[in-house]
Amino acid sequence: MRITEATENYMEAILVLERRNGAVRPVDVANYLGFSKPTISQYMKHYVSQGLVEIGGDGHILLTESGREIAEHIYERHQMIASIFMALGVPEQTAVQDACKVEHDLSEETFRCMKAHYMNYLQK
């Protein structure tokens, strides 16, 4: 399965909301991403069919193991890239916005090198 930028954004949003609120409702995802509730419902049906999320009996969205793996991967990239940008002096709001753009296109190799360099920098 090819993971698109949209899929990464949805999985990351669900993870962030889960950590913030505990339970995640479709309306929470709609508000977080700025989309309509019908759009979110349509995407959730698609992600259910892909095995990335489940919808609980109470209507809450639950990440499956596969969905959580995608979410945690992209969330780590987002957090690390934003931290690196801020360490370079970029204001937090700009760093977070730019990290959201970069996190999807940066190769694994470049990300690993950036992360290793940054972690080494923090230890000094």
N, C-alpha and C. Protein backbone atom coordinates (compact mmCIF):
# COMPACT_ATOMS: atom_id res chain seq x y z
N MET A 1 0.84 -1.18 0.00
CA MET A 1 0.00 0.00 0.00
C MET A 1 0.89 1.24 0.00
N ARG A 2 0.61 2.14 -0.90
CA ARG A 2 1.33 3.41 -0.97
C ARG A 2 0.70 4.38 0.02
N ILE A 3 1.52 4.97 0.87
CA ILE A 3 1.04 5.90 1.87
C ILE A 3 1.16 7.31 1.31
N THR A 4 0.03 8.01 1.19
CA THR A 4 0.03 9.35 0.65
C THR A 4 0.23 10.39 1.76
N GLU A 5 0.53 11.61 1.35
CA GLU A 5 0.66 12.71 2.30
C GLU A 5 -0.65 12.92 3.07
N ALA A 6 -1.77 12.79 2.37
CA ALA A 6 -3.07 12.95 3.03
C ALA A 6 -3.25 11.89 4.12
N THR A 7 -2.88 10.65 3.81
CA THR A 7 -2.99 9.58 4.79
C THR A 7 -2.12 9.87 6.00
N GLU A 8 -0.89 10.31 5.75
CA GLU A 8 0.00 10.66 6.86
C GLU A 8 -0.62 11.76 7.72
N ASN A 9 -1.20 12.78 7.08
CA ASN A 9 -1.81 13.88 7.82
C ASN A 9 -2.99 13.41 8.66
N TYR A 10 -3.83 12.56 8.11
CA TYR A 10 -4.98 12.05 8.86
C TYR A 10 -4.53 11.18 10.04
N MET A 11 -3.59 10.29 9.81
CA MET A 11 -3.12 9.42 10.88
C MET A 11 -2.47 10.24 11.99
N GLU A 12 -1.66 11.22 11.60
CA GLU A 12 -1.01 12.08 12.58
C GLU A 12 -2.04 12.88 13.38
N ALA A 13 -3.05 13.40 12.70
CA ALA A 13 -4.10 14.17 13.38
C ALA A 13 -4.82 13.30 14.40
N ILE A 14 -5.14 12.07 14.03
CA ILE A 14 -5.83 11.17 14.97
C ILE A 14 -4.94 10.90 16.18
N LEU A 15 -3.65 10.68 15.95
CA LEU A 15 -2.72 10.43 17.05
C LEU A 15 -2.64 11.64 17.99
N VAL A 16 -2.48 12.82 17.43
CA VAL A 16 -2.39 14.04 18.23
C VAL A 16 -3.66 14.24 19.05
N LEU A 17 -4.81 14.07 18.42
CA LEU A 17 -6.09 14.23 19.12
C LEU A 17 -6.28 13.17 20.20
N GLU A 18 -5.85 11.96 19.91
CA GLU A 18 -5.94 10.87 20.89
C GLU A 18 -5.11 11.21 22.13
N ARG A 19 -3.91 11.72 21.91
CA ARG A 19 -3.03 12.08 23.02
C ARG A 19 -3.58 13.27 23.80
N ARG A 20 -4.23 14.17 23.10
CA ARG A 20 -4.77 15.37 23.72
C ARG A 20 -6.09 15.09 24.45
N ASN A 21 -6.99 14.34 23.81
CA ASN A 21 -8.36 14.18 24.32
C ASN A 21 -8.71 12.78 24.80
N GLY A 22 -7.89 11.82 24.50
CA GLY A 22 -8.22 10.43 24.82
C GLY A 22 -8.99 9.78 23.68
N ALA A 23 -10.25 10.13 23.54
CA ALA A 23 -11.09 9.59 22.47
C ALA A 23 -11.14 10.58 21.31
N VAL A 24 -11.25 10.05 20.10
CA VAL A 24 -11.26 10.89 18.90
C VAL A 24 -12.56 10.69 18.14
N ARG A 25 -13.30 11.77 17.98
CA ARG A 25 -14.54 11.73 17.21
C ARG A 25 -14.27 12.32 15.82
N PRO A 26 -15.07 11.94 14.84
CA PRO A 26 -14.89 12.51 13.50
C PRO A 26 -14.93 14.04 13.50
N VAL A 27 -15.79 14.64 14.32
CA VAL A 27 -15.88 16.10 14.36
C VAL A 27 -14.57 16.70 14.88
N ASP A 28 -13.88 15.99 15.77
CA ASP A 28 -12.59 16.48 16.26
C ASP A 28 -11.57 16.54 15.13
N VAL A 29 -11.55 15.50 14.31
CA VAL A 29 -10.63 15.45 13.17
C VAL A 29 -11.00 16.54 12.17
N ALA A 30 -12.29 16.74 11.94
CA ALA A 30 -12.75 17.79 11.01
C ALA A 30 -12.28 19.16 11.49
N ASN A 31 -12.47 19.44 12.76
CA ASN A 31 -12.05 20.73 13.30
C ASN A 31 -10.53 20.90 13.27
N TYR A 32 -9.81 19.85 13.59
CA TYR A 32 -8.35 19.90 13.64
C TYR A 32 -7.75 20.15 12.26
N LEU A 33 -8.30 19.46 11.25
CA LEU A 33 -7.75 19.59 9.89
C LEU A 33 -8.43 20.66 9.05
N GLY A 34 -9.57 21.17 9.54
CA GLY A 34 -10.26 22.22 8.79
C GLY A 34 -11.09 21.70 7.62
N PHE A 35 -11.57 20.47 7.74
CA PHE A 35 -12.40 19.88 6.70
C PHE A 35 -13.82 19.69 7.23
N SER A 36 -14.74 19.41 6.33
CA SER A 36 -16.13 19.17 6.75
C SER A 36 -16.25 17.77 7.35
N LYS A 37 -17.26 17.59 8.19
CA LYS A 37 -17.50 16.28 8.79
C LYS A 37 -17.81 15.21 7.72
N PRO A 38 -18.59 15.54 6.67
CA PRO A 38 -18.81 14.53 5.62
C PRO A 38 -17.52 14.10 4.92
N THR A 39 -16.60 15.04 4.73
CA THR A 39 -15.31 14.69 4.12
C THR A 39 -14.55 13.72 5.02
N ILE A 40 -14.54 14.02 6.32
CA ILE A 40 -13.85 13.15 7.27
C ILE A 40 -14.49 11.76 7.28
N SER A 41 -15.81 11.70 7.28
CA SER A 41 -16.51 10.42 7.27
C SER A 41 -16.14 9.59 6.05
N GLN A 42 -16.05 10.26 4.92
CA GLN A 42 -15.69 9.56 3.67
C GLN A 42 -14.26 9.00 3.77
N TYR A 43 -13.34 9.82 4.26
CA TYR A 43 -11.96 9.36 4.40
C TYR A 43 -11.87 8.22 5.42
N MET A 44 -12.61 8.33 6.52
CA MET A 44 -12.54 7.28 7.54
C MET A 44 -13.03 5.94 6.98
N LYS A 45 -14.07 5.96 6.16
CA LYS A 45 -14.54 4.72 5.52
C LYS A 45 -13.42 4.12 4.67
N HIS A 46 -12.72 4.99 3.95
CA HIS A 46 -11.60 4.54 3.12
C HIS A 46 -10.49 3.94 4.00
N TYR A 47 -10.17 4.61 5.11
CA TYR A 47 -9.11 4.12 5.98
C TYR A 47 -9.51 2.85 6.73
N VAL A 48 -10.80 2.69 7.01
CA VAL A 48 -11.28 1.44 7.59
C VAL A 48 -11.03 0.31 6.59
N SER A 49 -11.36 0.54 5.33
CA SER A 49 -11.18 -0.49 4.30
C SER A 49 -9.70 -0.82 4.09
N GLN A 50 -8.81 0.14 4.38
CA GLN A 50 -7.38 -0.10 4.25
C GLN A 50 -6.78 -0.70 5.52
N GLY A 51 -7.58 -0.81 6.56
CA GLY A 51 -7.10 -1.38 7.81
C GLY A 51 -6.26 -0.43 8.65
N LEU A 52 -6.44 0.86 8.44
CA LEU A 52 -5.66 1.85 9.20
C LEU A 52 -6.38 2.37 10.43
N VAL A 53 -7.70 2.37 10.39
CA VAL A 53 -8.50 2.80 11.54
C VAL A 53 -9.68 1.86 11.71
N GLU A 54 -10.25 1.91 12.89
CA GLU A 54 -11.50 1.22 13.19
C GLU A 54 -12.43 2.26 13.79
N ILE A 55 -13.72 2.06 13.61
CA ILE A 55 -14.70 2.93 14.23
C ILE A 55 -15.37 2.12 15.34
N GLY A 56 -15.23 2.62 16.57
CA GLY A 56 -15.81 1.92 17.71
C GLY A 56 -17.32 2.04 17.71
N GLY A 57 -17.95 1.25 18.54
CA GLY A 57 -19.41 1.26 18.66
C GLY A 57 -19.95 2.61 19.08
N ASP A 58 -19.12 3.40 19.74
CA ASP A 58 -19.52 4.74 20.18
C ASP A 58 -19.19 5.80 19.13
N GLY A 59 -18.69 5.36 17.96
CA GLY A 59 -18.38 6.28 16.87
C GLY A 59 -16.99 6.88 16.93
N HIS A 60 -16.21 6.52 17.95
CA HIS A 60 -14.86 7.05 18.07
C HIS A 60 -13.92 6.36 17.08
N ILE A 61 -12.92 7.12 16.64
CA ILE A 61 -11.94 6.62 15.68
C ILE A 61 -10.76 6.03 16.46
N LEU A 62 -10.39 4.82 16.10
CA LEU A 62 -9.27 4.13 16.74
C LEU A 62 -8.23 3.77 15.69
N LEU A 63 -6.99 4.07 15.95
CA LEU A 63 -5.92 3.66 15.05
C LEU A 63 -5.67 2.17 15.20
N THR A 64 -5.51 1.48 14.09
CA THR A 64 -5.08 0.09 14.13
C THR A 64 -3.56 0.09 14.31
N GLU A 65 -2.99 -1.07 14.43
CA GLU A 65 -1.53 -1.15 14.55
C GLU A 65 -0.85 -0.50 13.33
N SER A 66 -1.37 -0.76 12.15
CA SER A 66 -0.79 -0.17 10.93
C SER A 66 -0.97 1.34 10.92
N GLY A 67 -2.15 1.81 11.29
CA GLY A 67 -2.41 3.24 11.33
C GLY A 67 -1.54 3.94 12.35
N ARG A 68 -1.38 3.32 13.50
CA ARG A 68 -0.55 3.89 14.56
C ARG A 68 0.91 3.97 14.14
N GLU A 69 1.38 2.96 13.43
CA GLU A 69 2.76 2.95 12.94
C GLU A 69 3.00 4.15 12.01
N ILE A 70 2.09 4.39 11.10
CA ILE A 70 2.19 5.55 10.20
C ILE A 70 2.15 6.84 11.00
N ALA A 71 1.20 6.93 11.93
CA ALA A 71 1.01 8.14 12.72
C ALA A 71 2.25 8.46 13.55
N GLU A 72 2.79 7.47 14.23
CA GLU A 72 3.95 7.72 15.09
C GLU A 72 5.18 8.06 14.27
N HIS A 73 5.32 7.44 13.12
CA HIS A 73 6.45 7.72 12.23
C HIS A 73 6.42 9.18 11.77
N ILE A 74 5.29 9.62 11.28
CA ILE A 74 5.21 10.99 10.75
C ILE A 74 5.24 12.00 11.87
N TYR A 75 4.68 11.66 13.03
CA TYR A 75 4.69 12.57 14.18
C TYR A 75 6.12 12.77 14.68
N GLU A 76 6.90 11.70 14.73
CA GLU A 76 8.31 11.83 15.14
C GLU A 76 9.06 12.74 14.17
N ARG A 77 8.84 12.54 12.89
CA ARG A 77 9.49 13.39 11.89
C ARG A 77 9.10 14.85 12.11
N HIS A 78 7.82 15.09 12.30
CA HIS A 78 7.32 16.45 12.49
C HIS A 78 7.98 17.10 13.71
N GLN A 79 7.96 16.39 14.83
CA GLN A 79 8.52 16.94 16.07
C GLN A 79 10.02 17.21 15.94
N MET A 80 10.75 16.26 15.36
CA MET A 80 12.19 16.39 15.23
C MET A 80 12.56 17.54 14.29
N ILE A 81 11.90 17.61 13.15
CA ILE A 81 12.20 18.66 12.18
C ILE A 81 11.88 20.03 12.76
N ALA A 82 10.75 20.15 13.44
CA ALA A 82 10.39 21.42 14.07
C ALA A 82 11.43 21.80 15.11
N SER A 83 11.90 20.85 15.90
CA SER A 83 12.92 21.12 16.92
C SER A 83 14.22 21.59 16.28
N ILE A 84 14.60 20.96 15.20
CA ILE A 84 15.83 21.36 14.50
C ILE A 84 15.68 22.78 13.97
N PHE A 85 14.54 23.08 13.35
CA PHE A 85 14.32 24.43 12.84
C PHE A 85 14.37 25.47 13.96
N MET A 86 13.76 25.16 15.09
CA MET A 86 13.79 26.10 16.22
C MET A 86 15.20 26.27 16.76
N ALA A 87 15.99 25.19 16.77
CA ALA A 87 17.39 25.29 17.21
C ALA A 87 18.20 26.20 16.29
N LEU A 88 17.75 26.29 15.05
CA LEU A 88 18.42 27.18 14.08
C LEU A 88 17.96 28.63 14.23
N GLY A 89 16.97 28.85 15.10
CA GLY A 89 16.49 30.20 15.34
C GLY A 89 15.17 30.54 14.67
N VAL A 90 14.54 29.58 14.04
CA VAL A 90 13.25 29.80 13.39
C VAL A 90 12.19 29.93 14.48
N PRO A 91 11.32 30.93 14.43
CA PRO A 91 10.25 31.05 15.43
C PRO A 91 9.38 29.79 15.44
N GLU A 92 8.86 29.44 16.62
CA GLU A 92 8.13 28.18 16.80
C GLU A 92 6.99 28.00 15.80
N GLN A 93 6.15 28.99 15.63
CA GLN A 93 5.00 28.85 14.74
C GLN A 93 5.46 28.55 13.30
N THR A 94 6.47 29.25 12.85
CA THR A 94 7.00 29.02 11.50
C THR A 94 7.66 27.65 11.41
N ALA A 95 8.40 27.27 12.45
CA ALA A 95 9.08 25.98 12.46
C ALA A 95 8.07 24.83 12.37
N VAL A 96 6.98 24.95 13.11
CA VAL A 96 5.95 23.90 13.10
C VAL A 96 5.27 23.82 11.74
N GLN A 97 4.96 24.97 11.16
CA GLN A 97 4.31 25.00 9.84
C GLN A 97 5.25 24.44 8.77
N ASP A 98 6.52 24.85 8.80
CA ASP A 98 7.47 24.36 7.81
C ASP A 98 7.76 22.87 7.98
N ALA A 99 7.81 22.41 9.23
CA ALA A 99 8.04 20.99 9.48
C ALA A 99 6.92 20.15 8.87
N CYS A 100 5.70 20.68 8.93
CA CYS A 100 4.55 19.98 8.35
C CYS A 100 4.70 19.80 6.84
N LYS A 101 5.34 20.76 6.21
CA LYS A 101 5.57 20.66 4.76
C LYS A 101 6.70 19.71 4.43
N VAL A 102 7.76 19.77 5.21
CA VAL A 102 8.98 19.01 4.93
C VAL A 102 8.86 17.54 5.32
N GLU A 103 8.11 17.25 6.39
CA GLU A 103 8.07 15.90 6.95
C GLU A 103 7.66 14.84 5.94
N HIS A 104 6.89 15.21 4.95
CA HIS A 104 6.38 14.23 3.99
C HIS A 104 7.35 13.94 2.85
N ASP A 105 8.20 14.89 2.53
CA ASP A 105 9.04 14.75 1.34
C ASP A 105 10.49 14.39 1.62
N LEU A 106 10.91 14.54 2.86
CA LEU A 106 12.29 14.27 3.22
C LEU A 106 12.56 12.77 3.18
N SER A 107 13.65 12.37 2.57
CA SER A 107 13.98 10.95 2.50
C SER A 107 14.32 10.42 3.89
N GLU A 108 14.16 9.12 4.06
CA GLU A 108 14.51 8.48 5.34
C GLU A 108 15.98 8.69 5.65
N GLU A 109 16.82 8.59 4.63
CA GLU A 109 18.26 8.76 4.82
C GLU A 109 18.59 10.15 5.35
N THR A 110 18.03 11.17 4.72
CA THR A 110 18.29 12.55 5.16
C THR A 110 17.73 12.77 6.55
N PHE A 111 16.54 12.24 6.83
CA PHE A 111 15.96 12.41 8.16
C PHE A 111 16.85 11.75 9.21
N ARG A 112 17.31 10.53 8.97
CA ARG A 112 18.17 9.84 9.93
C ARG A 112 19.44 10.64 10.20
N CYS A 113 20.04 11.21 9.14
CA CYS A 113 21.25 12.01 9.31
C CYS A 113 20.97 13.29 10.10
N MET A 114 19.86 13.96 9.78
CA MET A 114 19.49 15.18 10.51
C MET A 114 19.26 14.86 11.98
N LYS A 115 18.55 13.78 12.24
CA LYS A 115 18.24 13.39 13.62
C LYS A 115 19.51 13.07 14.38
N ALA A 116 20.40 12.29 13.78
CA ALA A 116 21.66 11.92 14.43
C ALA A 116 22.50 13.16 14.72
N HIS A 117 22.58 14.06 13.76
CA HIS A 117 23.35 15.30 13.94
C HIS A 117 22.75 16.14 15.07
N TYR A 118 21.44 16.26 15.09
CA TYR A 118 20.77 17.06 16.10
C TYR A 118 20.94 16.44 17.48
N MET A 119 20.79 15.13 17.59
CA MET A 119 20.96 14.46 18.88
C MET A 119 22.40 14.61 19.38
N ASN A 120 23.35 14.55 18.49
CA ASN A 120 24.76 14.76 18.85
C ASN A 120 24.96 16.19 19.32
N TYR A 121 24.33 17.13 18.63
CA TYR A 121 24.40 18.55 19.00
C TYR A 121 23.85 18.77 20.41
N LEU A 122 22.77 18.10 20.76
CA LEU A 122 22.15 18.25 22.08
C LEU A 122 23.04 17.69 23.19
N GLN A 123 23.85 16.71 22.88
CA GLN A 123 24.72 16.08 23.88
C GLN A 123 25.96 16.90 24.19
N LYS A 124 26.25 17.87 23.36
CA LYS A 124 27.46 18.70 23.58
C LYS A 124 27.21 19.78 24.57
